[in-house]
Amino acid sequence: METIITSMVAEKPVVIFSKSSCCLSHSVTSLIRSFGANPTVYELDNLTNGEQIESALLQMGCNPSVPAVFIGQQFTGGSKKIMSLHVRNELVPLLKDAGAIWI
């Protein structure tokens, strides 16, 4: 199942695994978009194999499973990690390095 996640994040600068009912997922997505990035968002509760993907994310160390943010095809973290990167002014450089933003 991890290979499915790898293929879902391949060649995309920013991918967020989310659930439509998760306010933290919405907040993280909004934060990343506020820098001009256009993340690919997979709403697990709207995918037929969403439960399998969620299990794979948990096995990869995403706990809780959403939001799970991949920047530059690498698992970056959940909401706490993304907010921490932002507060330390480290999120924008990651987004730039991944080609998600150009400014």
PDB file of N, CA and C in Angstrom:
ATOM      1  N   MET A   1       0.828  -1.203   0.000  1.00  0.00           N
ATOM      2  CA  MET A   1       0.000   0.000   0.000  1.00  0.00           C
ATOM      3  C   MET A   1       0.866   1.259   0.000  1.00  0.00           C
ATOM      4  N   GLU A   2       2.054   1.151   0.575  1.00  0.00           N
ATOM      5  CA  GLU A   2       2.947   2.301   0.593  1.00  0.00           C
ATOM      6  C   GLU A   2       3.325   2.727  -0.823  1.00  0.00           C
ATOM      7  N   THR A   3       3.361   1.765  -1.745  1.00  0.00           N
ATOM      8  CA  THR A   3       3.683   2.110  -3.132  1.00  0.00           C
ATOM      9  C   THR A   3       2.571   2.952  -3.757  1.00  0.00           C
ATOM     10  N   ILE A   4       1.335   2.738  -3.323  1.00  0.00           N
ATOM     11  CA  ILE A   4       0.234   3.562  -3.820  1.00  0.00           C
ATOM     12  C   ILE A   4       0.435   5.004  -3.362  1.00  0.00           C
ATOM     13  N   ILE A   5       0.811   5.179  -2.106  1.00  0.00           N
ATOM     14  CA  ILE A   5       1.058   6.526  -1.599  1.00  0.00           C
ATOM     15  C   ILE A   5       2.218   7.160  -2.363  1.00  0.00           C
ATOM     16  N   THR A   6       3.272   6.393  -2.585  1.00  0.00           N
ATOM     17  CA  THR A   6       4.426   6.898  -3.336  1.00  0.00           C
ATOM     18  C   THR A   6       4.000   7.366  -4.717  1.00  0.00           C
ATOM     19  N   SER A   7       3.151   6.590  -5.378  1.00  0.00           N
ATOM     20  CA  SER A   7       2.699   6.992  -6.714  1.00  0.00           C
ATOM     21  C   SER A   7       1.766   8.200  -6.654  1.00  0.00           C
ATOM     22  N   MET A   8       1.011   8.335  -5.574  1.00  0.00           N
ATOM     23  CA  MET A   8       0.094   9.474  -5.441  1.00  0.00           C
ATOM     24  C   MET A   8       0.845  10.785  -5.208  1.00  0.00           C
ATOM     25  N   VAL A   9       2.025  10.712  -4.602  1.00  0.00           N
ATOM     26  CA  VAL A   9       2.789  11.933  -4.330  1.00  0.00           C
ATOM     27  C   VAL A   9       3.864  12.198  -5.387  1.00  0.00           C
ATOM     28  N   ALA A  10       4.083  11.244  -6.265  1.00  0.00           N
ATOM     29  CA  ALA A  10       5.134  11.383  -7.286  1.00  0.00           C
ATOM     30  C   ALA A  10       4.876  12.593  -8.182  1.00  0.00           C
ATOM     31  N   GLU A  11       5.932  13.326  -8.453  1.00  0.00           N
ATOM     32  CA  GLU A  11       5.911  14.449  -9.390  1.00  0.00           C
ATOM     33  C   GLU A  11       4.967  15.572  -8.991  1.00  0.00           C
ATOM     34  N   LYS A  12       4.564  15.605  -7.738  1.00  0.00           N
ATOM     35  CA  LYS A  12       3.719  16.693  -7.243  1.00  0.00           C
ATOM     36  C   LYS A  12       4.475  17.392  -6.122  1.00  0.00           C
ATOM     37  N   PRO A  13       4.603  18.719  -6.187  1.00  0.00           N
ATOM     38  CA  PRO A  13       5.392  19.418  -5.179  1.00  0.00           C
ATOM     39  C   PRO A  13       4.809  19.321  -3.765  1.00  0.00           C
ATOM     40  N   VAL A  14       3.476  19.403  -3.651  1.00  0.00           N
ATOM     41  CA  VAL A  14       2.834  19.332  -2.335  1.00  0.00           C
ATOM     42  C   VAL A  14       1.583  18.472  -2.446  1.00  0.00           C
ATOM     43  N   VAL A  15       1.498  17.482  -1.555  1.00  0.00           N
ATOM     44  CA  VAL A  15       0.318  16.622  -1.477  1.00  0.00           C
ATOM     45  C   VAL A  15      -0.149  16.590  -0.032  1.00  0.00           C
ATOM     46  N   ILE A  16      -1.459  16.735   0.144  1.00  0.00           N
ATOM     47  CA  ILE A  16      -2.048  16.665   1.478  1.00  0.00           C
ATOM     48  C   ILE A  16      -3.107  15.577   1.475  1.00  0.00           C
ATOM     49  N   PHE A  17      -2.948  14.610   2.367  1.00  0.00           N
ATOM     50  CA  PHE A  17      -3.987  13.612   2.592  1.00  0.00           C
ATOM     51  C   PHE A  17      -4.852  14.164   3.710  1.00  0.00           C
ATOM     52  N   SER A  18      -6.149  14.215   3.458  1.00  0.00           N
ATOM     53  CA  SER A  18      -7.068  14.956   4.297  1.00  0.00           C
ATOM     54  C   SER A  18      -8.370  14.188   4.451  1.00  0.00           C
ATOM     55  N   LYS A  19      -9.231  14.706   5.285  1.00  0.00           N
ATOM     56  CA  LYS A  19     -10.637  14.270   5.348  1.00  0.00           C
ATOM     57  C   LYS A  19     -11.482  15.522   5.283  1.00  0.00           C
ATOM     58  N   SER A  20     -12.581  15.436   4.581  1.00  0.00           N
ATOM     59  CA  SER A  20     -13.405  16.626   4.357  1.00  0.00           C
ATOM     60  C   SER A  20     -13.954  17.201   5.659  1.00  0.00           C
ATOM     61  N   SER A  21     -14.041  16.391   6.711  1.00  0.00           N
ATOM     62  CA  SER A  21     -14.592  16.857   7.984  1.00  0.00           C
ATOM     63  C   SER A  21     -13.521  17.327   8.961  1.00  0.00           C
ATOM     64  N   CYS A  22     -12.254  17.301   8.571  1.00  0.00           N
ATOM     65  CA  CYS A  22     -11.154  17.612   9.485  1.00  0.00           C
ATOM     66  C   CYS A  22     -10.776  19.087   9.397  1.00  0.00           C
ATOM     67  N   CYS A  23     -11.014  19.831  10.468  1.00  0.00           N
ATOM     68  CA  CYS A  23     -10.717  21.267  10.451  1.00  0.00           C
ATOM     69  C   CYS A  23      -9.212  21.526  10.399  1.00  0.00           C
ATOM     70  N   LEU A  24      -8.391  20.655  10.985  1.00  0.00           N
ATOM     71  CA  LEU A  24      -6.943  20.838  10.917  1.00  0.00           C
ATOM     72  C   LEU A  24      -6.442  20.656   9.489  1.00  0.00           C
ATOM     73  N   SER A  25      -7.022  19.699   8.778  1.00  0.00           N
ATOM     74  CA  SER A  25      -6.652  19.509   7.373  1.00  0.00           C
ATOM     75  C   SER A  25      -6.974  20.763   6.573  1.00  0.00           C
ATOM     76  N   HIS A  26      -8.141  21.323   6.827  1.00  0.00           N
ATOM     77  CA  HIS A  26      -8.545  22.545   6.126  1.00  0.00           C
ATOM     78  C   HIS A  26      -7.592  23.688   6.455  1.00  0.00           C
ATOM     79  N   SER A  27      -7.206  23.818   7.723  1.00  0.00           N
ATOM     80  CA  SER A  27      -6.304  24.894   8.141  1.00  0.00           C
ATOM     81  C   SER A  27      -4.933  24.763   7.492  1.00  0.00           C
ATOM     82  N   VAL A  28      -4.396  23.545   7.458  1.00  0.00           N
ATOM     83  CA  VAL A  28      -3.083  23.320   6.857  1.00  0.00           C
ATOM     84  C   VAL A  28      -3.130  23.604   5.359  1.00  0.00           C
ATOM     85  N   THR A  29      -4.188  23.146   4.708  1.00  0.00           N
ATOM     86  CA  THR A  29      -4.350  23.398   3.273  1.00  0.00           C
ATOM     87  C   THR A  29      -4.435  24.896   3.001  1.00  0.00           C
ATOM     88  N   SER A  30      -5.209  25.610   3.811  1.00  0.00           N
ATOM     89  CA  SER A  30      -5.343  27.065   3.649  1.00  0.00           C
ATOM     90  C   SER A  30      -4.011  27.771   3.866  1.00  0.00           C
ATOM     91  N   LEU A  31      -3.246  27.329   4.868  1.00  0.00           N
ATOM     92  CA  LEU A  31      -1.942  27.933   5.136  1.00  0.00           C
ATOM     93  C   LEU A  31      -1.010  27.765   3.940  1.00  0.00           C
ATOM     94  N   ILE A  32      -0.934  26.558   3.419  1.00  0.00           N
ATOM     95  CA  ILE A  32      -0.041  26.293   2.291  1.00  0.00           C
ATOM     96  C   ILE A  32      -0.493  27.064   1.053  1.00  0.00           C
ATOM     97  N   ARG A  33      -1.787  27.149   0.849  1.00  0.00           N
ATOM     98  CA  ARG A  33      -2.301  27.925  -0.293  1.00  0.00           C
ATOM     99  C   ARG A  33      -2.028  29.419  -0.127  1.00  0.00           C
ATOM    100  N   SER A  34      -1.963  29.886   1.123  1.00  0.00           N
ATOM    101  CA  SER A  34      -1.749  31.319   1.357  1.00  0.00           C
ATOM    102  C   SER A  34      -0.387  31.781   0.849  1.00  0.00           C
ATOM    103  N   PHE A  35       0.543  30.857   0.651  1.00  0.00           N
ATOM    104  CA  PHE A  35       1.859  31.196   0.112  1.00  0.00           C
ATOM    105  C   PHE A  35       1.890  31.121  -1.415  1.00  0.00           C
ATOM    106  N   GLY A  36       0.764  30.761  -2.015  1.00  0.00           N
ATOM    107  CA  GLY A  36       0.686  30.676  -3.466  1.00  0.00           C
ATOM    108  C   GLY A  36       0.852  29.273  -4.013  1.00  0.00           C
ATOM    109  N   ALA A  37       1.011  28.301  -3.134  1.00  0.00           N
ATOM    110  CA  ALA A  37       1.135  26.908  -3.582  1.00  0.00           C
ATOM    111  C   ALA A  37      -0.243  26.362  -3.915  1.00  0.00           C
ATOM    112  N   ASN A  38      -0.267  25.382  -4.789  1.00  0.00           N
ATOM    113  CA  ASN A  38      -1.515  24.724  -5.173  1.00  0.00           C
ATOM    114  C   ASN A  38      -1.374  23.232  -4.867  1.00  0.00           C
ATOM    115  N   PRO A  39      -1.595  22.854  -3.598  1.00  0.00           N
ATOM    116  CA  PRO A  39      -1.381  21.456  -3.223  1.00  0.00           C
ATOM    117  C   PRO A  39      -2.413  20.531  -3.850  1.00  0.00           C
ATOM    118  N   THR A  40      -1.983  19.308  -4.109  1.00  0.00           N
ATOM    119  CA  THR A  40      -2.914  18.253  -4.491  1.00  0.00           C
ATOM    120  C   THR A  40      -3.497  17.709  -3.189  1.00  0.00           C
ATOM    121  N   VAL A  41      -4.813  17.723  -3.072  1.00  0.00           N
ATOM    122  CA  VAL A  41      -5.462  17.286  -1.837  1.00  0.00           C
ATOM    123  C   VAL A  41      -6.290  16.042  -2.120  1.00  0.00           C
ATOM    124  N   TYR A  42      -6.002  14.989  -1.362  1.00  0.00           N
ATOM    125  CA  TYR A  42      -6.783  13.755  -1.441  1.00  0.00           C
ATOM    126  C   TYR A  42      -7.647  13.653  -0.192  1.00  0.00           C
ATOM    127  N   GLU A  43      -8.954  13.723  -0.390  1.00  0.00           N
ATOM    128  CA  GLU A  43      -9.905  13.578   0.721  1.00  0.00           C
ATOM    129  C   GLU A  43     -10.174  12.084   0.913  1.00  0.00           C
ATOM    130  N   LEU A  44      -9.586  11.508   1.952  1.00  0.00           N
ATOM    131  CA  LEU A  44      -9.665  10.060   2.141  1.00  0.00           C
ATOM    132  C   LEU A  44     -11.097   9.560   2.310  1.00  0.00           C
ATOM    133  N   ASP A  45     -11.962  10.377   2.907  1.00  0.00           N
ATOM    134  CA  ASP A  45     -13.349   9.942   3.099  1.00  0.00           C
ATOM    135  C   ASP A  45     -14.143   9.969   1.794  1.00  0.00           C
ATOM    136  N   ASN A  46     -13.559  10.494   0.725  1.00  0.00           N
ATOM    137  CA  ASN A  46     -14.224  10.515  -0.578  1.00  0.00           C
ATOM    138  C   ASN A  46     -13.602   9.550  -1.579  1.00  0.00           C
ATOM    139  N   LEU A  47     -12.566   8.808  -1.170  1.00  0.00           N
ATOM    140  CA  LEU A  47     -11.910   7.849  -2.055  1.00  0.00           C
ATOM    141  C   LEU A  47     -12.374   6.437  -1.726  1.00  0.00           C
ATOM    142  N   THR A  48     -12.545   5.617  -2.754  1.00  0.00           N
ATOM    143  CA  THR A  48     -13.000   4.246  -2.512  1.00  0.00           C
ATOM    144  C   THR A  48     -11.989   3.440  -1.698  1.00  0.00           C
ATOM    145  N   ASN A  49     -10.705   3.729  -1.868  1.00  0.00           N
ATOM    146  CA  ASN A  49      -9.680   3.023  -1.103  1.00  0.00           C
ATOM    147  C   ASN A  49      -9.115   3.896   0.024  1.00  0.00           C
ATOM    148  N   GLY A  50      -9.892   4.858   0.474  1.00  0.00           N
ATOM    149  CA  GLY A  50      -9.450   5.805   1.490  1.00  0.00           C
ATOM    150  C   GLY A  50      -9.036   5.159   2.795  1.00  0.00           C
ATOM    151  N   GLU A  51      -9.771   4.127   3.232  1.00  0.00           N
ATOM    152  CA  GLU A  51      -9.421   3.457   4.491  1.00  0.00           C
ATOM    153  C   GLU A  51      -8.088   2.738   4.373  1.00  0.00           C
ATOM    154  N   GLN A  52      -7.831   2.141   3.218  1.00  0.00           N
ATOM    155  CA  GLN A  52      -6.550   1.463   2.998  1.00  0.00           C
ATOM    156  C   GLN A  52      -5.410   2.481   2.992  1.00  0.00           C
ATOM    157  N   ILE A  53      -5.626   3.600   2.354  1.00  0.00           N
ATOM    158  CA  ILE A  53      -4.604   4.647   2.312  1.00  0.00           C
ATOM    159  C   ILE A  53      -4.352   5.174   3.721  1.00  0.00           C
ATOM    160  N   GLU A  54      -5.430   5.358   4.480  1.00  0.00           N
ATOM    161  CA  GLU A  54      -5.286   5.842   5.856  1.00  0.00           C
ATOM    162  C   GLU A  54      -4.469   4.864   6.699  1.00  0.00           C
ATOM    163  N   SER A  55      -4.714   3.580   6.543  1.00  0.00           N
ATOM    164  CA  SER A  55      -3.939   2.558   7.261  1.00  0.00           C
ATOM    165  C   SER A  55      -2.467   2.619   6.879  1.00  0.00           C
ATOM    166  N   ALA A  56      -2.201   2.797   5.591  1.00  0.00           N
ATOM    167  CA  ALA A  56      -0.814   2.885   5.127  1.00  0.00           C
ATOM    168  C   ALA A  56      -0.139   4.129   5.693  1.00  0.00           C
ATOM    169  N   LEU A  57      -0.860   5.232   5.769  1.00  0.00           N
ATOM    170  CA  LEU A  57      -0.298   6.452   6.341  1.00  0.00           C
ATOM    171  C   LEU A  57       0.054   6.249   7.809  1.00  0.00           C
ATOM    172  N   LEU A  58      -0.815   5.562   8.535  1.00  0.00           N
ATOM    173  CA  LEU A  58      -0.540   5.267   9.940  1.00  0.00           C
ATOM    174  C   LEU A  58       0.705   4.400  10.076  1.00  0.00           C
ATOM    175  N   GLN A  59       0.851   3.415   9.185  1.00  0.00           N
ATOM    176  CA  GLN A  59       2.027   2.538   9.222  1.00  0.00           C
ATOM    177  C   GLN A  59       3.307   3.312   8.895  1.00  0.00           C
ATOM    178  N   MET A  60       3.178   4.375   8.108  1.00  0.00           N
ATOM    179  CA  MET A  60       4.337   5.198   7.761  1.00  0.00           C
ATOM    180  C   MET A  60       4.710   6.170   8.881  1.00  0.00           C
ATOM    181  N   GLY A  61       3.903   6.223   9.925  1.00  0.00           N
ATOM    182  CA  GLY A  61       4.197   7.114  11.045  1.00  0.00           C
ATOM    183  C   GLY A  61       3.356   8.365  11.095  1.00  0.00           C
ATOM    184  N   CYS A  62       2.368   8.470  10.237  1.00  0.00           N
ATOM    185  CA  CYS A  62       1.458   9.612  10.268  1.00  0.00           C
ATOM    186  C   CYS A  62       0.425   9.360  11.361  1.00  0.00           C
ATOM    187  N   ASN A  63       0.594  10.000  12.485  1.00  0.00           N
ATOM    188  CA  ASN A  63      -0.339   9.773  13.586  1.00  0.00           C
ATOM    189  C   ASN A  63      -0.640  11.109  14.244  1.00  0.00           C
ATOM    190  N   PRO A  64      -1.870  11.626  14.111  1.00  0.00           N
ATOM    191  CA  PRO A  64      -3.007  11.038  13.420  1.00  0.00           C
ATOM    192  C   PRO A  64      -2.778  10.986  11.907  1.00  0.00           C
ATOM    193  N   SER A  65      -3.634  10.233  11.255  1.00  0.00           N
ATOM    194  CA  SER A  65      -3.425   9.970   9.822  1.00  0.00           C
ATOM    195  C   SER A  65      -3.640  11.193   8.942  1.00  0.00           C
ATOM    196  N   VAL A  66      -4.469  12.125   9.375  1.00  0.00           N
ATOM    197  CA  VAL A  66      -4.703  13.345   8.598  1.00  0.00           C
ATOM    198  C   VAL A  66      -4.596  14.563   9.503  1.00  0.00           C
ATOM    199  N   PRO A  67      -4.143  15.674   8.998  1.00  0.00           N
ATOM    200  CA  PRO A  67      -3.562  15.812   7.684  1.00  0.00           C
ATOM    201  C   PRO A  67      -2.163  15.206   7.616  1.00  0.00           C
ATOM    202  N   ALA A  68      -1.848  14.628   6.485  1.00  0.00           N
ATOM    203  CA  ALA A  68      -0.508  14.113   6.214  1.00  0.00           C
ATOM    204  C   ALA A  68       0.029  14.894   5.024  1.00  0.00           C
ATOM    205  N   VAL A  69       1.074  15.657   5.255  1.00  0.00           N
ATOM    206  CA  VAL A  69       1.597  16.565   4.246  1.00  0.00           C
ATOM    207  C   VAL A  69       2.916  16.034   3.699  1.00  0.00           C
ATOM    208  N   PHE A  70       2.968  15.947   2.380  1.00  0.00           N
ATOM    209  CA  PHE A  70       4.182  15.555   1.672  1.00  0.00           C
ATOM    210  C   PHE A  70       4.648  16.772   0.879  1.00  0.00           C
ATOM    211  N   ILE A  71       5.879  17.185   1.098  1.00  0.00           N
ATOM    212  CA  ILE A  71       6.468  18.290   0.351  1.00  0.00           C
ATOM    213  C   ILE A  71       7.695  17.740  -0.349  1.00  0.00           C
ATOM    214  N   GLY A  72       7.741  17.918  -1.655  1.00  0.00           N
ATOM    215  CA  GLY A  72       8.855  17.383  -2.428  1.00  0.00           C
ATOM    216  C   GLY A  72       8.921  15.870  -2.372  1.00  0.00           C
ATOM    217  N   GLN A  73       7.781  15.221  -2.406  1.00  0.00           N
ATOM    218  CA  GLN A  73       7.627  13.763  -2.382  1.00  0.00           C
ATOM    219  C   GLN A  73       8.075  13.116  -1.066  1.00  0.00           C
ATOM    220  N   GLN A  74       8.361  13.924  -0.049  1.00  0.00           N
ATOM    221  CA  GLN A  74       8.776  13.393   1.247  1.00  0.00           C
ATOM    222  C   GLN A  74       7.710  13.696   2.284  1.00  0.00           C
ATOM    223  N   PHE A  75       7.455  12.722   3.170  1.00  0.00           N
ATOM    224  CA  PHE A  75       6.514  12.971   4.255  1.00  0.00           C
ATOM    225  C   PHE A  75       7.115  14.028   5.166  1.00  0.00           C
ATOM    226  N   THR A  76       6.413  15.151   5.287  1.00  0.00           N
ATOM    227  CA  THR A  76       6.895  16.263   6.101  1.00  0.00           C
ATOM    228  C   THR A  76       6.301  16.217   7.491  1.00  0.00           C
ATOM    229  N   GLY A  77       5.018  15.887   7.602  1.00  0.00           N
ATOM    230  CA  GLY A  77       4.400  15.797   8.915  1.00  0.00           C
ATOM    231  C   GLY A  77       2.924  16.115   8.872  1.00  0.00           C
ATOM    232  N   GLY A  78       2.372  16.177  10.068  1.00  0.00           N
ATOM    233  CA  GLY A  78       0.967  16.521  10.236  1.00  0.00           C
ATOM    234  C   GLY A  78       0.823  17.999  10.569  1.00  0.00           C
ATOM    235  N   SER A  79      -0.307  18.349  11.145  1.00  0.00           N
ATOM    236  CA  SER A  79      -0.598  19.762  11.400  1.00  0.00           C
ATOM    237  C   SER A  79       0.400  20.386  12.370  1.00  0.00           C
ATOM    238  N   LYS A  80       0.781  19.678  13.424  1.00  0.00           N
ATOM    239  CA  LYS A  80       1.730  20.247  14.392  1.00  0.00           C
ATOM    240  C   LYS A  80       3.069  20.549  13.738  1.00  0.00           C
ATOM    241  N   LYS A  81       3.564  19.636  12.934  1.00  0.00           N
ATOM    242  CA  LYS A  81       4.851  19.820  12.271  1.00  0.00           C
ATOM    243  C   LYS A  81       4.799  20.985  11.282  1.00  0.00           C
ATOM    244  N   ILE A  82       3.721  21.048  10.503  1.00  0.00           N
ATOM    245  CA  ILE A  82       3.586  22.122   9.506  1.00  0.00           C
ATOM    246  C   ILE A  82       3.499  23.475  10.202  1.00  0.00           C
ATOM    247  N   MET A  83       2.718  23.568  11.282  1.00  0.00           N
ATOM    248  CA  MET A  83       2.612  24.836  12.012  1.00  0.00           C
ATOM    249  C   MET A  83       3.949  25.200  12.645  1.00  0.00           C
ATOM    250  N   SER A  84       4.666  24.216  13.159  1.00  0.00           N
ATOM    251  CA  SER A  84       5.979  24.451  13.753  1.00  0.00           C
ATOM    252  C   SER A  84       6.965  24.977  12.704  1.00  0.00           C
ATOM    253  N   LEU A  85       6.959  24.359  11.521  1.00  0.00           N
ATOM    254  CA  LEU A  85       7.812  24.836  10.433  1.00  0.00           C
ATOM    255  C   LEU A  85       7.471  26.276  10.065  1.00  0.00           C
ATOM    256  N   HIS A  86       6.186  26.576  10.045  1.00  0.00           N
ATOM    257  CA  HIS A  86       5.743  27.920   9.692  1.00  0.00           C
ATOM    258  C   HIS A  86       6.224  28.942  10.728  1.00  0.00           C
ATOM    259  N   VAL A  87       6.061  28.627  12.003  1.00  0.00           N
ATOM    260  CA  VAL A  87       6.459  29.545  13.068  1.00  0.00           C
ATOM    261  C   VAL A  87       7.970  29.789  13.028  1.00  0.00           C
ATOM    262  N   ARG A  88       8.734  28.792  12.656  1.00  0.00           N
ATOM    263  CA  ARG A  88      10.195  28.915  12.589  1.00  0.00           C
ATOM    264  C   ARG A  88      10.673  29.440  11.222  1.00  0.00           C
ATOM    265  N   ASN A  89       9.727  29.881  10.392  1.00  0.00           N
ATOM    266  CA  ASN A  89      10.043  30.389   9.045  1.00  0.00           C
ATOM    267  C   ASN A  89      10.785  29.365   8.186  1.00  0.00           C
ATOM    268  N   GLU A  90      10.448  28.101   8.346  1.00  0.00           N
ATOM    269  CA  GLU A  90      11.081  27.042   7.571  1.00  0.00           C
ATOM    270  C   GLU A  90      10.152  26.422   6.531  1.00  0.00           C
ATOM    271  N   LEU A  91       8.872  26.782   6.566  1.00  0.00           N
ATOM    272  CA  LEU A  91       7.911  26.190   5.636  1.00  0.00           C
ATOM    273  C   LEU A  91       8.093  26.748   4.219  1.00  0.00           C
ATOM    274  N   VAL A  92       8.222  28.055   4.095  1.00  0.00           N
ATOM    275  CA  VAL A  92       8.363  28.666   2.767  1.00  0.00           C
ATOM    276  C   VAL A  92       9.601  28.142   2.039  1.00  0.00           C
ATOM    277  N   PRO A  93      10.775  28.057   2.704  1.00  0.00           N
ATOM    278  CA  PRO A  93      11.930  27.486   1.996  1.00  0.00           C
ATOM    279  C   PRO A  93      11.690  26.048   1.520  1.00  0.00           C
ATOM    280  N   LEU A  94      10.988  25.255   2.301  1.00  0.00           N
ATOM    281  CA  LEU A  94      10.658  23.887   1.860  1.00  0.00           C
ATOM    282  C   LEU A  94       9.788  23.915   0.611  1.00  0.00           C
ATOM    283  N   LEU A  95       8.794  24.789   0.620  1.00  0.00           N
ATOM    284  CA  LEU A  95       7.894  24.905  -0.534  1.00  0.00           C
ATOM    285  C   LEU A  95       8.662  25.389  -1.767  1.00  0.00           C
ATOM    286  N   LYS A  96       9.586  26.316  -1.577  1.00  0.00           N
ATOM    287  CA  LYS A  96      10.406  26.808  -2.696  1.00  0.00           C
ATOM    288  C   LYS A  96      11.284  25.690  -3.239  1.00  0.00           C
ATOM    289  N   ASP A  97      11.950  24.962  -2.343  1.00  0.00           N
ATOM    290  CA  ASP A  97      12.846  23.883  -2.770  1.00  0.00           C
ATOM    291  C   ASP A  97      12.099  22.801  -3.537  1.00  0.00           C
ATOM    292  N   ALA A  98      10.830  22.585  -3.178  1.00  0.00           N
ATOM    293  CA  ALA A  98      10.027  21.556  -3.843  1.00  0.00           C
ATOM    294  C   ALA A  98       9.439  22.059  -5.166  1.00  0.00           C
ATOM    295  N   GLY A  99       9.582  23.346  -5.455  1.00  0.00           N
ATOM    296  CA  GLY A  99       9.023  23.897  -6.678  1.00  0.00           C
ATOM    297  C   GLY A  99       7.547  24.221  -6.573  1.00  0.00           C
ATOM    298  N   ALA A 100       7.037  24.306  -5.337  1.00  0.00           N
ATOM    299  CA  ALA A 100       5.611  24.598  -5.142  1.00  0.00           C
ATOM    300  C   ALA A 100       5.333  26.100  -5.254  1.00  0.00           C
ATOM    301  N   ILE A 101       6.331  26.911  -4.912  1.00  0.00           N
ATOM    302  CA  ILE A 101       6.210  28.358  -5.044  1.00  0.00           C
ATOM    303  C   ILE A 101       7.530  28.884  -5.618  1.00  0.00           C
ATOM    304  N   TRP A 102       7.480  30.068  -6.192  1.00  0.00           N
ATOM    305  CA  TRP A 102       8.645  30.619  -6.862  1.00  0.00           C
ATOM    306  C   TRP A 102       9.100  31.937  -6.278  1.00  0.00           C
ATOM    307  N   ILE A 103       8.373  32.460  -5.311  1.00  0.00           N
ATOM    308  CA  ILE A 103       8.677  33.797  -4.781  1.00  0.00           C
ATOM    309  C   ILE A 103       9.628  33.678  -3.609  1.00  0.00           C
TER     310      ILE A 103
END
